[in-house]
PDB file of all heavy atoms in Angstrom:
ATOM      1  N   LEU A   1      14.197  -6.781  -8.534  1.00  0.00           N
ATOM      2  CA  LEU A   1      13.481  -6.256  -7.373  1.00  0.00           C
ATOM      3  C   LEU A   1      12.514  -7.308  -6.830  1.00  0.00           C
ATOM      4  O   LEU A   1      11.992  -8.133  -7.588  1.00  0.00           O
ATOM      5  CB  LEU A   1      12.703  -4.993  -7.765  1.00  0.00           C
ATOM      6  CG  LEU A   1      13.550  -3.826  -8.285  1.00  0.00           C
ATOM      7  CD1 LEU A   1      12.644  -2.712  -8.801  1.00  0.00           C
ATOM      8  CD2 LEU A   1      14.479  -3.303  -7.199  1.00  0.00           C
ATOM      9  N   PRO A   2      12.251  -7.285  -5.523  1.00  0.00           N
ATOM     10  CA  PRO A   2      11.312  -8.269  -4.961  1.00  0.00           C
ATOM     11  C   PRO A   2       9.895  -8.046  -5.477  1.00  0.00           C
ATOM     12  O   PRO A   2       9.460  -6.903  -5.655  1.00  0.00           O
ATOM     13  CB  PRO A   2      11.398  -8.013  -3.449  1.00  0.00           C
ATOM     14  CG  PRO A   2      11.935  -6.620  -3.322  1.00  0.00           C
ATOM     15  CD  PRO A   2      12.828  -6.400  -4.491  1.00  0.00           C
ATOM     16  N   VAL A   3       9.193  -9.137  -5.728  1.00  0.00           N
ATOM     17  CA  VAL A   3       7.796  -9.064  -6.158  1.00  0.00           C
ATOM     18  C   VAL A   3       6.938  -8.852  -4.924  1.00  0.00           C
ATOM     19  O   VAL A   3       6.900  -9.707  -4.030  1.00  0.00           O
ATOM     20  CB  VAL A   3       7.376 -10.343  -6.905  1.00  0.00           C
ATOM     21  CG1 VAL A   3       5.911 -10.264  -7.305  1.00  0.00           C
ATOM     22  CG2 VAL A   3       8.255 -10.561  -8.132  1.00  0.00           C
ATOM     23  N   ARG A   4       6.244  -7.727  -4.858  1.00  0.00           N
ATOM     24  CA  ARG A   4       5.493  -7.369  -3.668  1.00  0.00           C
ATOM     25  C   ARG A   4       4.052  -7.869  -3.723  1.00  0.00           C
ATOM     26  O   ARG A   4       3.462  -7.979  -4.800  1.00  0.00           O
ATOM     27  CB  ARG A   4       5.496  -5.842  -3.477  1.00  0.00           C
ATOM     28  CG  ARG A   4       6.907  -5.270  -3.418  1.00  0.00           C
ATOM     29  CD  ARG A   4       6.916  -3.840  -2.917  1.00  0.00           C
ATOM     30  NE  ARG A   4       8.271  -3.301  -2.954  1.00  0.00           N
ATOM     31  CZ  ARG A   4       9.214  -3.578  -2.069  1.00  0.00           C
ATOM     32  NH1 ARG A   4       8.941  -4.388  -1.058  1.00  0.00           N
ATOM     33  NH2 ARG A   4      10.425  -3.061  -2.178  1.00  0.00           N
ATOM     34  N   ILE A   5       3.504  -8.141  -2.562  1.00  0.00           N
ATOM     35  CA  ILE A   5       2.102  -8.532  -2.437  1.00  0.00           C
ATOM     36  C   ILE A   5       1.268  -7.270  -2.249  1.00  0.00           C
ATOM     37  O   ILE A   5       1.581  -6.419  -1.412  1.00  0.00           O
ATOM     38  CB  ILE A   5       1.905  -9.482  -1.239  1.00  0.00           C
ATOM     39  CG1 ILE A   5       2.642 -10.804  -1.491  1.00  0.00           C
ATOM     40  CG2 ILE A   5       0.419  -9.730  -0.977  1.00  0.00           C
ATOM     41  CD1 ILE A   5       2.647 -11.738  -0.297  1.00  0.00           C
ATOM     42  N   ASP A   6       0.216  -7.131  -3.019  1.00  0.00           N
ATOM     43  CA  ASP A   6      -0.638  -5.947  -2.950  1.00  0.00           C
ATOM     44  C   ASP A   6      -1.647  -6.106  -1.811  1.00  0.00           C
ATOM     45  O   ASP A   6      -2.826  -6.348  -2.020  1.00  0.00           O
ATOM     46  CB  ASP A   6      -1.359  -5.740  -4.287  1.00  0.00           C
ATOM     47  CG  ASP A   6      -2.155  -4.437  -4.322  1.00  0.00           C
ATOM     48  OD1 ASP A   6      -1.958  -3.597  -3.418  1.00  0.00           O
ATOM     49  OD2 ASP A   6      -2.971  -4.273  -5.244  1.00  0.00           O
ATOM     50  N   TRP A   7      -1.157  -5.940  -0.595  1.00  0.00           N
ATOM     51  CA  TRP A   7      -1.978  -6.138   0.590  1.00  0.00           C
ATOM     52  C   TRP A   7      -3.106  -5.106   0.691  1.00  0.00           C
ATOM     53  O   TRP A   7      -4.190  -5.395   1.206  1.00  0.00           O
ATOM     54  CB  TRP A   7      -1.113  -6.074   1.853  1.00  0.00           C
ATOM     55  CG  TRP A   7      -0.501  -4.725   2.064  1.00  0.00           C
ATOM     56  CD1 TRP A   7       0.649  -4.254   1.505  1.00  0.00           C
ATOM     57  CD2 TRP A   7      -1.042  -3.651   2.837  1.00  0.00           C
ATOM     58  NE1 TRP A   7       0.868  -2.954   1.888  1.00  0.00           N
ATOM     59  CE2 TRP A   7      -0.146  -2.563   2.701  1.00  0.00           C
ATOM     60  CE3 TRP A   7      -2.176  -3.507   3.630  1.00  0.00           C
ATOM     61  CZ2 TRP A   7      -0.365  -1.339   3.329  1.00  0.00           C
ATOM     62  CZ3 TRP A   7      -2.397  -2.302   4.255  1.00  0.00           C
ATOM     63  CH2 TRP A   7      -1.498  -1.235   4.113  1.00  0.00           C
ATOM     64  N   SER A   8      -2.860  -3.904   0.184  1.00  0.00           N
ATOM     65  CA  SER A   8      -3.833  -2.822   0.338  1.00  0.00           C
ATOM     66  C   SER A   8      -5.131  -3.099  -0.437  1.00  0.00           C
ATOM     67  O   SER A   8      -6.196  -2.621  -0.047  1.00  0.00           O
ATOM     68  CB  SER A   8      -3.244  -1.486  -0.112  1.00  0.00           C
ATOM     69  OG  SER A   8      -2.894  -1.530  -1.481  1.00  0.00           O
ATOM     70  N   SER A   9      -5.054  -3.869  -1.512  1.00  0.00           N
ATOM     71  CA  SER A   9      -6.252  -4.146  -2.314  1.00  0.00           C
ATOM     72  C   SER A   9      -7.248  -5.019  -1.564  1.00  0.00           C
ATOM     73  O   SER A   9      -8.436  -5.054  -1.903  1.00  0.00           O
ATOM     74  CB  SER A   9      -5.865  -4.822  -3.634  1.00  0.00           C
ATOM     75  OG  SER A   9      -5.279  -6.094  -3.396  1.00  0.00           O
ATOM     76  N   GLU A  10      -6.754  -5.711  -0.520  1.00  0.00           N
ATOM     77  CA  GLU A  10      -7.628  -6.581   0.274  1.00  0.00           C
ATOM     78  C   GLU A  10      -7.918  -6.008   1.664  1.00  0.00           C
ATOM     79  O   GLU A  10      -8.618  -6.638   2.452  1.00  0.00           O
ATOM     80  CB  GLU A  10      -6.971  -7.965   0.429  1.00  0.00           C
ATOM     81  CG  GLU A  10      -6.633  -8.638  -0.896  1.00  0.00           C
ATOM     82  CD  GLU A  10      -5.802  -9.894  -0.693  1.00  0.00           C
ATOM     83  OE1 GLU A  10      -5.398 -10.151   0.467  1.00  0.00           O
ATOM     84  OE2 GLU A  10      -5.553 -10.606  -1.672  1.00  0.00           O
ATOM     85  N   TYR A  11      -7.382  -4.829   1.948  1.00  0.00           N
ATOM     86  CA  TYR A  11      -7.489  -4.287   3.300  1.00  0.00           C
ATOM     87  C   TYR A  11      -8.907  -3.831   3.608  1.00  0.00           C
ATOM     88  O   TYR A  11      -9.526  -3.098   2.834  1.00  0.00           O
ATOM     89  CB  TYR A  11      -6.521  -3.111   3.460  1.00  0.00           C
ATOM     90  CG  TYR A  11      -6.513  -2.505   4.849  1.00  0.00           C
ATOM     91  CD1 TYR A  11      -5.849  -3.135   5.894  1.00  0.00           C
ATOM     92  CD2 TYR A  11      -7.171  -1.312   5.109  1.00  0.00           C
ATOM     93  CE1 TYR A  11      -5.831  -2.590   7.162  1.00  0.00           C
ATOM     94  CE2 TYR A  11      -7.155  -0.753   6.376  1.00  0.00           C
ATOM     95  CZ  TYR A  11      -6.490  -1.398   7.397  1.00  0.00           C
ATOM     96  OH  TYR A  11      -6.486  -0.856   8.652  1.00  0.00           O
ATOM     97  N   LYS A  12      -9.415  -4.251   4.755  1.00  0.00           N
ATOM     98  CA  LYS A  12     -10.758  -3.871   5.203  1.00  0.00           C
ATOM     99  C   LYS A  12     -10.732  -3.419   6.657  1.00  0.00           C
ATOM    100  O   LYS A  12     -11.749  -3.464   7.354  1.00  0.00           O
ATOM    101  CB  LYS A  12     -11.739  -5.040   5.026  1.00  0.00           C
ATOM    102  CG  LYS A  12     -11.946  -5.479   3.576  1.00  0.00           C
ATOM    103  CD  LYS A  12     -12.934  -6.625   3.487  1.00  0.00           C
ATOM    104  CE  LYS A  12     -13.230  -6.994   2.039  1.00  0.00           C
ATOM    105  NZ  LYS A  12     -12.038  -7.512   1.346  1.00  0.00           N
ATOM    106  N   GLY A  13      -9.583  -3.004   7.145  1.00  0.00           N
ATOM    107  CA  GLY A  13      -9.440  -2.661   8.548  1.00  0.00           C
ATOM    108  C   GLY A  13     -10.100  -1.353   8.938  1.00  0.00           C
ATOM    109  O   GLY A  13     -10.405  -0.501   8.097  1.00  0.00           O
ATOM    110  N   ARG A  14     -10.297  -1.183  10.248  1.00  0.00           N
ATOM    111  CA  ARG A  14     -10.909   0.039  10.784  1.00  0.00           C
ATOM    112  C   ARG A  14      -9.958   1.216  10.714  1.00  0.00           C
ATOM    113  O   ARG A  14     -10.364   2.346  10.439  1.00  0.00           O
ATOM    114  CB  ARG A  14     -11.341  -0.207  12.237  1.00  0.00           C
ATOM    115  CG  ARG A  14     -11.998   1.011  12.897  1.00  0.00           C
ATOM    116  CD  ARG A  14     -12.474   0.657  14.280  1.00  0.00           C
ATOM    117  NE  ARG A  14     -11.400   0.684  15.251  1.00  0.00           N
ATOM    118  CZ  ARG A  14     -11.130   1.723  16.050  1.00  0.00           C
ATOM    119  NH1 ARG A  14     -11.833   2.833  15.943  1.00  0.00           N
ATOM    120  NH2 ARG A  14     -10.157   1.659  16.928  1.00  0.00           N
ATOM    121  N   ALA A  15      -8.667   0.948  10.949  1.00  0.00           N
ATOM    122  CA  ALA A  15      -7.686   2.033  10.982  1.00  0.00           C
ATOM    123  C   ALA A  15      -7.313   2.470   9.572  1.00  0.00           C
ATOM    124  O   ALA A  15      -7.187   1.656   8.655  1.00  0.00           O
ATOM    125  CB  ALA A  15      -6.436   1.580  11.732  1.00  0.00           C
ATOM    126  N   LEU A  16      -7.123   3.771   9.410  1.00  0.00           N
ATOM    127  CA  LEU A  16      -6.520   4.295   8.193  1.00  0.00           C
ATOM    128  C   LEU A  16      -5.024   4.044   8.284  1.00  0.00           C
ATOM    129  O   LEU A  16      -4.379   4.454   9.244  1.00  0.00           O
ATOM    130  CB  LEU A  16      -6.802   5.793   8.070  1.00  0.00           C
ATOM    131  CG  LEU A  16      -6.052   6.532   6.965  1.00  0.00           C
ATOM    132  CD1 LEU A  16      -6.448   6.022   5.586  1.00  0.00           C
ATOM    133  CD2 LEU A  16      -6.303   8.038   7.056  1.00  0.00           C
ATOM    134  N   VAL A  17      -4.442   3.367   7.288  1.00  0.00           N
ATOM    135  CA  VAL A  17      -3.016   3.055   7.277  1.00  0.00           C
ATOM    136  C   VAL A  17      -2.316   3.985   6.286  1.00  0.00           C
ATOM    137  O   VAL A  17      -2.650   4.001   5.097  1.00  0.00           O
ATOM    138  CB  VAL A  17      -2.753   1.585   6.891  1.00  0.00           C
ATOM    139  CG1 VAL A  17      -1.241   1.302   6.890  1.00  0.00           C
ATOM    140  CG2 VAL A  17      -3.463   0.639   7.845  1.00  0.00           C
ATOM    141  N   VAL A  18      -1.361   4.760   6.782  1.00  0.00           N
ATOM    142  CA  VAL A  18      -0.583   5.672   5.941  1.00  0.00           C
ATOM    143  C   VAL A  18       0.840   5.125   5.869  1.00  0.00           C
ATOM    144  O   VAL A  18       1.451   4.837   6.900  1.00  0.00           O
ATOM    145  CB  VAL A  18      -0.581   7.109   6.503  1.00  0.00           C
ATOM    146  CG1 VAL A  18       0.118   8.051   5.527  1.00  0.00           C
ATOM    147  CG2 VAL A  18      -1.999   7.582   6.767  1.00  0.00           C
ATOM    148  N   TYR A  19       1.351   4.991   4.653  1.00  0.00           N
ATOM    149  CA  TYR A  19       2.646   4.341   4.475  1.00  0.00           C
ATOM    150  C   TYR A  19       3.362   4.890   3.245  1.00  0.00           C
ATOM    151  O   TYR A  19       2.852   5.784   2.550  1.00  0.00           O
ATOM    152  CB  TYR A  19       2.464   2.823   4.341  1.00  0.00           C
ATOM    153  CG  TYR A  19       1.749   2.372   3.079  1.00  0.00           C
ATOM    154  CD1 TYR A  19       2.454   1.799   2.027  1.00  0.00           C
ATOM    155  CD2 TYR A  19       0.361   2.507   2.941  1.00  0.00           C
ATOM    156  CE1 TYR A  19       1.802   1.380   0.864  1.00  0.00           C
ATOM    157  CE2 TYR A  19      -0.287   2.096   1.798  1.00  0.00           C
ATOM    158  CZ  TYR A  19       0.433   1.530   0.758  1.00  0.00           C
ATOM    159  OH  TYR A  19      -0.217   1.123  -0.387  1.00  0.00           O
ATOM    160  N   GLY A  20       4.561   4.363   2.973  1.00  0.00           N
ATOM    161  CA  GLY A  20       5.355   4.774   1.817  1.00  0.00           C
ATOM    162  C   GLY A  20       6.059   3.583   1.223  1.00  0.00           C
ATOM    163  O   GLY A  20       5.432   2.606   0.858  1.00  0.00           O
ATOM    164  N   HIS A  21       7.408   3.661   1.103  1.00  0.00           N
ATOM    165  CA  HIS A  21       8.268   2.549   0.706  1.00  0.00           C
ATOM    166  C   HIS A  21       8.320   2.302  -0.803  1.00  0.00           C
ATOM    167  O   HIS A  21       9.392   2.141  -1.364  1.00  0.00           O
ATOM    168  CB  HIS A  21       7.838   1.270   1.437  1.00  0.00           C
ATOM    169  CG  HIS A  21       8.760   0.108   1.248  1.00  0.00           C
ATOM    170  ND1 HIS A  21      10.114   0.193   1.457  1.00  0.00           N
ATOM    171  CD2 HIS A  21       8.522  -1.178   0.848  1.00  0.00           C
ATOM    172  CE1 HIS A  21      10.676  -1.000   1.220  1.00  0.00           C
ATOM    173  NE2 HIS A  21       9.731  -1.831   0.846  1.00  0.00           N
ATOM    174  N   THR A  22       7.169   2.235  -1.457  1.00  0.00           N
ATOM    175  CA  THR A  22       7.122   1.966  -2.891  1.00  0.00           C
ATOM    176  C   THR A  22       6.710   3.242  -3.610  1.00  0.00           C
ATOM    177  O   THR A  22       5.558   3.679  -3.483  1.00  0.00           O
ATOM    178  CB  THR A  22       6.130   0.838  -3.211  1.00  0.00           C
ATOM    179  OG1 THR A  22       6.470  -0.315  -2.439  1.00  0.00           O
ATOM    180  CG2 THR A  22       6.170   0.489  -4.692  1.00  0.00           C
ATOM    181  N   PRO A  23       7.633   3.880  -4.353  1.00  0.00           N
ATOM    182  CA  PRO A  23       7.306   5.187  -4.956  1.00  0.00           C
ATOM    183  C   PRO A  23       6.230   5.105  -6.027  1.00  0.00           C
ATOM    184  O   PRO A  23       6.191   4.169  -6.827  1.00  0.00           O
ATOM    185  CB  PRO A  23       8.648   5.645  -5.545  1.00  0.00           C
ATOM    186  CG  PRO A  23       9.431   4.390  -5.746  1.00  0.00           C
ATOM    187  CD  PRO A  23       9.008   3.456  -4.655  1.00  0.00           C
ATOM    188  N   ARG A  24       5.372   6.111  -6.019  1.00  0.00           N
ATOM    189  CA  ARG A  24       4.299   6.250  -7.001  1.00  0.00           C
ATOM    190  C   ARG A  24       4.311   7.689  -7.510  1.00  0.00           C
ATOM    191  O   ARG A  24       4.774   8.599  -6.828  1.00  0.00           O
ATOM    192  CB  ARG A  24       2.933   5.938  -6.376  1.00  0.00           C
ATOM    193  CG  ARG A  24       2.786   4.493  -5.900  1.00  0.00           C
ATOM    194  CD  ARG A  24       2.555   3.567  -7.063  1.00  0.00           C
ATOM    195  NE  ARG A  24       2.253   2.213  -6.631  1.00  0.00           N
ATOM    196  CZ  ARG A  24       3.130   1.216  -6.596  1.00  0.00           C
ATOM    197  NH1 ARG A  24       4.392   1.451  -6.916  1.00  0.00           N
ATOM    198  NH2 ARG A  24       2.769   0.009  -6.214  1.00  0.00           N
ATOM    199  N   ALA A  25       3.768   7.903  -8.692  1.00  0.00           N
ATOM    200  CA  ALA A  25       3.729   9.256  -9.254  1.00  0.00           C
ATOM    201  C   ALA A  25       2.823  10.165  -8.434  1.00  0.00           C
ATOM    202  O   ALA A  25       3.070  11.368  -8.316  1.00  0.00           O
ATOM    203  CB  ALA A  25       3.261   9.206 -10.702  1.00  0.00           C
ATOM    204  N   GLN A  26       1.761   9.600  -7.851  1.00  0.00           N
ATOM    205  CA  GLN A  26       0.816  10.354  -7.037  1.00  0.00           C
ATOM    206  C   GLN A  26       0.505   9.552  -5.775  1.00  0.00           C
ATOM    207  O   GLN A  26       0.599   8.323  -5.776  1.00  0.00           O
ATOM    208  CB  GLN A  26      -0.495  10.609  -7.799  1.00  0.00           C
ATOM    209  CG  GLN A  26      -0.336  11.362  -9.105  1.00  0.00           C
ATOM    210  CD  GLN A  26       0.065  12.816  -8.901  1.00  0.00           C
ATOM    211  OE1 GLN A  26      -0.141  13.386  -7.834  1.00  0.00           O
ATOM    212  NE2 GLN A  26       0.656  13.419  -9.925  1.00  0.00           N
ATOM    213  N   ALA A  27       0.137  10.255  -4.717  1.00  0.00           N
ATOM    214  CA  ALA A  27      -0.340   9.575  -3.517  1.00  0.00           C
ATOM    215  C   ALA A  27      -1.577   8.771  -3.871  1.00  0.00           C
ATOM    216  O   ALA A  27      -2.495   9.288  -4.514  1.00  0.00           O
ATOM    217  CB  ALA A  27      -0.652  10.592  -2.421  1.00  0.00           C
ATOM    218  N   ILE A  28      -1.599   7.508  -3.486  1.00  0.00           N
ATOM    219  CA  ILE A  28      -2.655   6.597  -3.911  1.00  0.00           C
ATOM    220  C   ILE A  28      -3.467   6.143  -2.707  1.00  0.00           C
ATOM    221  O   ILE A  28      -2.918   5.586  -1.753  1.00  0.00           O
ATOM    222  CB  ILE A  28      -2.060   5.378  -4.630  1.00  0.00           C
ATOM    223  CG1 ILE A  28      -1.333   5.811  -5.908  1.00  0.00           C
ATOM    224  CG2 ILE A  28      -3.143   4.367  -4.963  1.00  0.00           C
ATOM    225  CD1 ILE A  28      -0.614   4.679  -6.600  1.00  0.00           C
TER     226      ILE A  28
END
């Protein structure tokens, strides 16, 4: 599988970004 960059850990934007793509046990 491709190694993904954890962009969300550095996110400081004004907009709330709602997304999917990478399954998790709980909404994070």
